[in-house]
Amino acid sequence: MRKMLVAAALILAGIGAWAASSTHARVTTPTAVQIDPFQTMVKAKNLPIQHYDDYSLVFPGRGS
């Protein structure tokens, strides 16, 4: 029981230290770089072609 309390206290202390820590990472806003999805689709080349057989209109034969 005592080991569980010590472990729980260490876990909570670690979470508290992580939450209180500060980071020095800089968050920058994107400049003028934007992706145009339409131009991406227009300029796409050598894409694989999907092939499948459509059996939606296959009817069972007579006598079934």
Protein backbone atom coordinates (compact mmCIF):
# COMPACT_ATOMS: atom_id res chain seq x y z
CA MET A 1 0.00 0.00 0.00
CA ARG A 2 2.82 2.36 0.87
CA LYS A 3 4.58 1.65 -2.45
CA MET A 4 1.42 2.53 -4.35
CA LEU A 5 1.14 5.86 -2.54
CA VAL A 6 4.78 6.68 -3.25
CA ALA A 7 4.34 5.74 -6.91
CA ALA A 8 1.18 7.85 -7.20
CA ALA A 9 2.92 10.82 -5.57
CA LEU A 10 5.85 10.52 -8.00
CA ILE A 11 3.52 10.33 -10.98
CA LEU A 12 1.59 13.39 -9.84
CA ALA A 13 4.82 15.28 -9.17
CA GLY A 14 6.06 14.42 -12.67
CA ILE A 15 2.81 15.56 -14.27
CA GLY A 16 2.90 18.79 -12.26
CA ALA A 17 6.50 19.50 -13.24
CA TRP A 18 5.69 18.83 -16.90
CA ALA A 19 2.66 21.13 -16.81
CA ALA A 20 4.60 23.92 -15.09
CA SER A 21 7.59 23.79 -17.41
CA SER A 22 7.88 26.47 -20.05
CA THR A 23 9.02 26.00 -23.58
CA HIS A 24 11.14 28.30 -25.67
CA ALA A 25 9.69 27.19 -29.00
CA ARG A 26 8.64 30.00 -31.27
CA VAL A 27 5.27 29.84 -32.94
CA THR A 28 5.30 31.66 -36.22
CA THR A 29 2.40 32.39 -38.49
CA PRO A 30 2.66 31.14 -42.04
CA THR A 31 3.74 33.81 -44.48
CA ALA A 32 2.41 33.89 -48.04
CA VAL A 33 2.81 30.16 -48.70
CA GLN A 34 -0.53 28.65 -49.63
CA ILE A 35 -1.42 25.43 -51.42
CA ASP A 36 -4.03 25.60 -54.17
CA PRO A 37 -5.83 22.22 -54.24
CA PHE A 38 -7.27 22.83 -57.72
CA GLN A 39 -3.84 23.44 -59.24
CA THR A 40 -2.53 20.37 -57.44
CA MET A 41 -5.20 18.23 -59.10
CA VAL A 42 -4.71 19.85 -62.52
CA LYS A 43 -0.95 19.32 -62.53
CA ALA A 44 -1.04 15.73 -61.24
CA LYS A 45 0.56 13.24 -63.66
CA ASN A 46 1.25 9.50 -63.78
CA LEU A 47 -1.30 8.62 -61.11
CA PRO A 48 -2.27 4.96 -60.71
CA ILE A 49 -5.58 3.97 -62.28
CA GLN A 50 -8.07 2.16 -60.11
CA HIS A 51 -9.65 -0.84 -61.82
CA TYR A 52 -12.57 -2.80 -60.56
CA ASP A 53 -15.25 -5.02 -62.09
CA ASP A 54 -18.81 -3.83 -61.64
CA TYR A 55 -21.03 -6.83 -60.91
CA SER A 56 -24.02 -4.78 -59.75
CA LEU A 57 -26.13 -5.75 -62.80
CA VAL A 58 -25.42 -9.49 -62.75
CA PHE A 59 -28.68 -11.39 -62.51
CA PRO A 60 -29.02 -15.02 -61.50
CA GLY A 61 -29.61 -17.47 -64.35
CA ARG A 62 -32.83 -19.32 -65.00
CA GLY A 63 -33.67 -22.26 -62.80
CA SER A 64 -32.07 -20.81 -59.71
